[in-house]
Amino acid sequence: LSGRIVAIADTFDALISKRPYKNQYPLEMVYDIIRREKGAHFDPEITDIFLDNFDAFVKIRNESGLLDPVNLEKFKLSERDQIRIQT
């Protein structure tokens, strides 16, 4: 159970965080990526709980001071997610 929870938490953190190899993703895209992976990469029940509370997780992240607004003009998908979206 803890591994299935951490799988979503880790993906959420990775997608909403700027990394040396990618920019942070817009929140709508983060939500859609996690939703699409329900039943494939993520446990369906845990995914439902996570998505039902998505705004609360974003709020917690905002309160930490670690979430910056996404500049959509400069945003670019990572190569991995470009492939995922095309399939």
N, C-alpha and C. Protein backbone atom coordinates (compact mmCIF):
# COMPACT_ATOMS: atom_id res chain seq x y z
N LEU A 1 0.83 -1.19 0.00
CA LEU A 1 0.00 0.00 0.00
C LEU A 1 0.88 1.26 0.00
N SER A 2 1.88 1.27 0.86
CA SER A 2 2.72 2.47 0.93
C SER A 2 3.45 2.71 -0.40
N GLY A 3 3.87 1.67 -1.07
CA GLY A 3 4.54 1.82 -2.36
C GLY A 3 3.62 2.40 -3.42
N ARG A 4 2.35 2.01 -3.39
CA ARG A 4 1.38 2.53 -4.36
C ARG A 4 1.08 4.00 -4.10
N ILE A 5 1.07 4.40 -2.83
CA ILE A 5 0.87 5.81 -2.48
C ILE A 5 2.09 6.63 -2.90
N VAL A 6 3.26 6.12 -2.59
CA VAL A 6 4.49 6.83 -2.93
C VAL A 6 4.65 6.97 -4.44
N ALA A 7 4.19 6.00 -5.22
CA ALA A 7 4.28 6.09 -6.68
C ALA A 7 3.58 7.35 -7.20
N ILE A 8 2.39 7.62 -6.70
CA ILE A 8 1.66 8.82 -7.13
C ILE A 8 2.32 10.07 -6.56
N ALA A 9 2.68 10.04 -5.29
CA ALA A 9 3.31 11.21 -4.66
C ALA A 9 4.61 11.58 -5.36
N ASP A 10 5.41 10.59 -5.71
CA ASP A 10 6.68 10.85 -6.39
C ASP A 10 6.46 11.43 -7.78
N THR A 11 5.51 10.88 -8.50
CA THR A 11 5.21 11.40 -9.84
C THR A 11 4.68 12.82 -9.76
N PHE A 12 3.77 13.07 -8.84
CA PHE A 12 3.23 14.42 -8.63
C PHE A 12 4.37 15.39 -8.36
N ASP A 13 5.25 15.04 -7.43
CA ASP A 13 6.37 15.92 -7.10
C ASP A 13 7.29 16.14 -8.30
N ALA A 14 7.58 15.09 -9.04
CA ALA A 14 8.46 15.21 -10.20
C ALA A 14 7.86 16.11 -11.27
N LEU A 15 6.56 15.98 -11.50
CA LEU A 15 5.92 16.76 -12.54
C LEU A 15 5.76 18.23 -12.18
N ILE A 16 5.51 18.53 -10.91
CA ILE A 16 5.30 19.93 -10.54
C ILE A 16 6.59 20.63 -10.12
N SER A 17 7.70 19.91 -10.20
CA SER A 17 8.98 20.48 -9.80
C SER A 17 9.87 20.73 -11.01
N LYS A 18 10.58 21.84 -10.97
CA LYS A 18 11.59 22.11 -12.00
C LYS A 18 12.78 21.21 -11.72
N ARG A 19 13.27 20.60 -12.76
CA ARG A 19 14.45 19.75 -12.66
C ARG A 19 15.50 20.27 -13.64
N PRO A 20 16.75 19.88 -13.48
CA PRO A 20 17.77 20.36 -14.42
C PRO A 20 17.46 19.98 -15.87
N TYR A 21 16.73 18.91 -16.08
CA TYR A 21 16.44 18.41 -17.43
C TYR A 21 15.05 18.77 -17.92
N LYS A 22 14.23 19.45 -17.09
CA LYS A 22 12.87 19.81 -17.52
C LYS A 22 12.31 20.93 -16.66
N ASN A 23 11.33 21.63 -17.20
CA ASN A 23 10.59 22.63 -16.44
C ASN A 23 9.45 21.95 -15.69
N GLN A 24 8.88 22.66 -14.71
CA GLN A 24 7.70 22.11 -14.05
C GLN A 24 6.53 22.15 -15.01
N TYR A 25 5.61 21.23 -14.84
CA TYR A 25 4.46 21.11 -15.73
C TYR A 25 3.29 21.94 -15.20
N PRO A 26 2.44 22.43 -16.11
CA PRO A 26 1.21 23.11 -15.66
C PRO A 26 0.33 22.13 -14.87
N LEU A 27 -0.36 22.64 -13.87
CA LEU A 27 -1.15 21.77 -13.00
C LEU A 27 -2.21 20.96 -13.75
N GLU A 28 -2.82 21.56 -14.77
CA GLU A 28 -3.83 20.83 -15.54
C GLU A 28 -3.21 19.61 -16.22
N MET A 29 -1.99 19.76 -16.68
CA MET A 29 -1.31 18.66 -17.35
C MET A 29 -0.90 17.59 -16.34
N VAL A 30 -0.48 18.01 -15.16
CA VAL A 30 -0.13 17.06 -14.10
C VAL A 30 -1.35 16.21 -13.76
N TYR A 31 -2.48 16.87 -13.58
CA TYR A 31 -3.73 16.16 -13.27
C TYR A 31 -4.06 15.15 -14.37
N ASP A 32 -3.97 15.58 -15.62
CA ASP A 32 -4.31 14.70 -16.75
C ASP A 32 -3.36 13.52 -16.87
N ILE A 33 -2.07 13.74 -16.64
CA ILE A 33 -1.10 12.64 -16.72
C ILE A 33 -1.41 11.60 -15.66
N ILE A 34 -1.66 12.04 -14.45
CA ILE A 34 -1.97 11.09 -13.37
C ILE A 34 -3.29 10.38 -13.66
N ARG A 35 -4.28 11.11 -14.13
CA ARG A 35 -5.58 10.50 -14.46
C ARG A 35 -5.43 9.43 -15.54
N ARG A 36 -4.63 9.72 -16.56
CA ARG A 36 -4.44 8.76 -17.66
C ARG A 36 -3.71 7.49 -17.22
N GLU A 37 -2.89 7.60 -16.17
CA GLU A 37 -2.12 6.45 -15.71
C GLU A 37 -2.88 5.59 -14.69
N LYS A 38 -4.12 5.99 -14.38
CA LYS A 38 -4.96 5.22 -13.46
C LYS A 38 -5.17 3.82 -14.02
N GLY A 39 -4.85 2.83 -13.22
CA GLY A 39 -5.05 1.45 -13.65
C GLY A 39 -3.89 0.90 -14.46
N ALA A 40 -2.98 1.75 -14.88
CA ALA A 40 -1.81 1.29 -15.63
C ALA A 40 -0.58 1.42 -14.71
N HIS A 41 -0.19 2.64 -14.45
CA HIS A 41 0.97 2.91 -13.59
C HIS A 41 0.56 3.06 -12.12
N PHE A 42 -0.68 3.52 -11.89
CA PHE A 42 -1.14 3.79 -10.52
C PHE A 42 -2.34 2.94 -10.16
N ASP A 43 -2.42 2.59 -8.88
CA ASP A 43 -3.56 1.87 -8.34
C ASP A 43 -4.83 2.71 -8.56
N PRO A 44 -5.89 2.11 -9.12
CA PRO A 44 -7.11 2.88 -9.42
C PRO A 44 -7.75 3.55 -8.21
N GLU A 45 -7.85 2.84 -7.09
CA GLU A 45 -8.50 3.41 -5.91
C GLU A 45 -7.68 4.56 -5.32
N ILE A 46 -6.38 4.37 -5.26
CA ILE A 46 -5.52 5.44 -4.73
C ILE A 46 -5.53 6.63 -5.67
N THR A 47 -5.56 6.38 -6.95
CA THR A 47 -5.62 7.47 -7.93
C THR A 47 -6.89 8.28 -7.74
N ASP A 48 -8.01 7.61 -7.56
CA ASP A 48 -9.27 8.34 -7.32
C ASP A 48 -9.17 9.23 -6.08
N ILE A 49 -8.62 8.69 -5.00
CA ILE A 49 -8.48 9.46 -3.77
C ILE A 49 -7.56 10.66 -4.01
N PHE A 50 -6.44 10.41 -4.69
CA PHE A 50 -5.50 11.49 -4.96
C PHE A 50 -6.15 12.58 -5.80
N LEU A 51 -6.82 12.19 -6.88
CA LEU A 51 -7.42 13.19 -7.77
C LEU A 51 -8.57 13.93 -7.10
N ASP A 52 -9.32 13.24 -6.22
CA ASP A 52 -10.39 13.90 -5.48
C ASP A 52 -9.84 14.97 -4.54
N ASN A 53 -8.57 14.83 -4.16
CA ASN A 53 -7.93 15.76 -3.23
C ASN A 53 -6.79 16.54 -3.88
N PHE A 54 -6.77 16.58 -5.19
CA PHE A 54 -5.69 17.22 -5.94
C PHE A 54 -5.47 18.67 -5.50
N ASP A 55 -6.54 19.42 -5.37
CA ASP A 55 -6.41 20.83 -4.97
C ASP A 55 -5.77 20.98 -3.59
N ALA A 56 -6.06 20.05 -2.69
CA ALA A 56 -5.46 20.11 -1.35
C ALA A 56 -3.96 19.85 -1.43
N PHE A 57 -3.54 18.91 -2.28
CA PHE A 57 -2.11 18.65 -2.44
C PHE A 57 -1.39 19.85 -3.06
N VAL A 58 -2.03 20.47 -4.02
CA VAL A 58 -1.45 21.67 -4.64
C VAL A 58 -1.34 22.79 -3.61
N LYS A 59 -2.37 22.94 -2.78
CA LYS A 59 -2.35 23.98 -1.74
C LYS A 59 -1.20 23.75 -0.77
N ILE A 60 -1.01 22.52 -0.35
CA ILE A 60 0.10 22.19 0.55
C ILE A 60 1.42 22.55 -0.12
N ARG A 61 1.54 22.19 -1.40
CA ARG A 61 2.78 22.50 -2.13
C ARG A 61 2.98 24.01 -2.25
N ASN A 62 1.91 24.75 -2.51
CA ASN A 62 1.99 26.22 -2.60
C ASN A 62 2.44 26.82 -1.27
N GLU A 63 1.90 26.30 -0.19
CA GLU A 63 2.23 26.83 1.13
C GLU A 63 3.68 26.56 1.50
N SER A 64 4.28 25.57 0.88
CA SER A 64 5.70 25.26 1.15
C SER A 64 6.62 26.28 0.49
N GLY A 65 6.06 27.07 -0.45
CA GLY A 65 6.86 28.05 -1.16
C GLY A 65 7.69 27.47 -2.28
N LEU A 66 7.46 26.23 -2.62
CA LEU A 66 8.27 25.56 -3.64
C LEU A 66 7.63 25.54 -5.02
N LEU A 67 6.40 25.99 -5.13
CA LEU A 67 5.69 25.92 -6.41
C LEU A 67 5.67 27.30 -7.06
N ASP A 68 6.34 27.43 -8.19
CA ASP A 68 6.36 28.68 -8.93
C ASP A 68 5.33 28.62 -10.05
N PRO A 69 4.81 29.77 -10.49
CA PRO A 69 3.90 29.75 -11.63
C PRO A 69 4.63 29.24 -12.88
N VAL A 70 3.89 28.54 -13.72
CA VAL A 70 4.47 28.00 -14.95
C VAL A 70 4.36 29.04 -16.05
N ASN A 71 5.45 29.31 -16.72
CA ASN A 71 5.45 30.21 -17.86
C ASN A 71 5.09 29.37 -19.09
N LEU A 72 3.84 29.44 -19.51
CA LEU A 72 3.36 28.59 -20.61
C LEU A 72 4.02 28.92 -21.94
N GLU A 73 4.53 30.15 -22.08
CA GLU A 73 5.21 30.51 -23.33
C GLU A 73 6.53 29.77 -23.47
N LYS A 74 7.16 29.44 -22.36
CA LYS A 74 8.45 28.75 -22.39
C LYS A 74 8.33 27.27 -22.07
N PHE A 75 7.13 26.81 -21.73
CA PHE A 75 6.95 25.41 -21.33
C PHE A 75 7.16 24.47 -22.50
N LYS A 76 7.82 23.36 -22.21
CA LYS A 76 8.05 22.34 -23.21
C LYS A 76 7.97 20.98 -22.54
N LEU A 77 7.24 20.05 -23.15
CA LEU A 77 7.14 18.70 -22.62
C LEU A 77 8.49 18.02 -22.65
N SER A 78 8.72 17.13 -21.67
CA SER A 78 9.91 16.30 -21.72
C SER A 78 9.75 15.30 -22.87
N GLU A 79 10.84 14.74 -23.34
CA GLU A 79 10.76 13.76 -24.44
C GLU A 79 9.90 12.58 -24.05
N ARG A 80 10.02 12.10 -22.81
CA ARG A 80 9.23 10.97 -22.35
C ARG A 80 7.74 11.25 -22.43
N ASP A 81 7.33 12.44 -21.98
CA ASP A 81 5.90 12.75 -22.00
C ASP A 81 5.40 13.07 -23.40
N GLN A 82 6.25 13.55 -24.28
CA GLN A 82 5.85 13.71 -25.67
C GLN A 82 5.45 12.36 -26.26
N ILE A 83 6.22 11.36 -25.95
CA ILE A 83 5.94 10.00 -26.45
C ILE A 83 4.65 9.48 -25.82
N ARG A 84 4.46 9.68 -24.52
CA ARG A 84 3.26 9.19 -23.83
C ARG A 84 2.00 9.83 -24.39
N ILE A 85 2.05 11.11 -24.68
CA ILE A 85 0.86 11.82 -25.18
C ILE A 85 0.52 11.37 -26.59
N GLN A 86 1.52 11.04 -27.38
CA GLN A 86 1.28 10.62 -28.77
C GLN A 86 0.66 9.24 -28.85
N THR A 87 0.83 8.42 -27.80
CA THR A 87 0.29 7.04 -27.84
C THR A 87 -1.07 6.95 -27.26
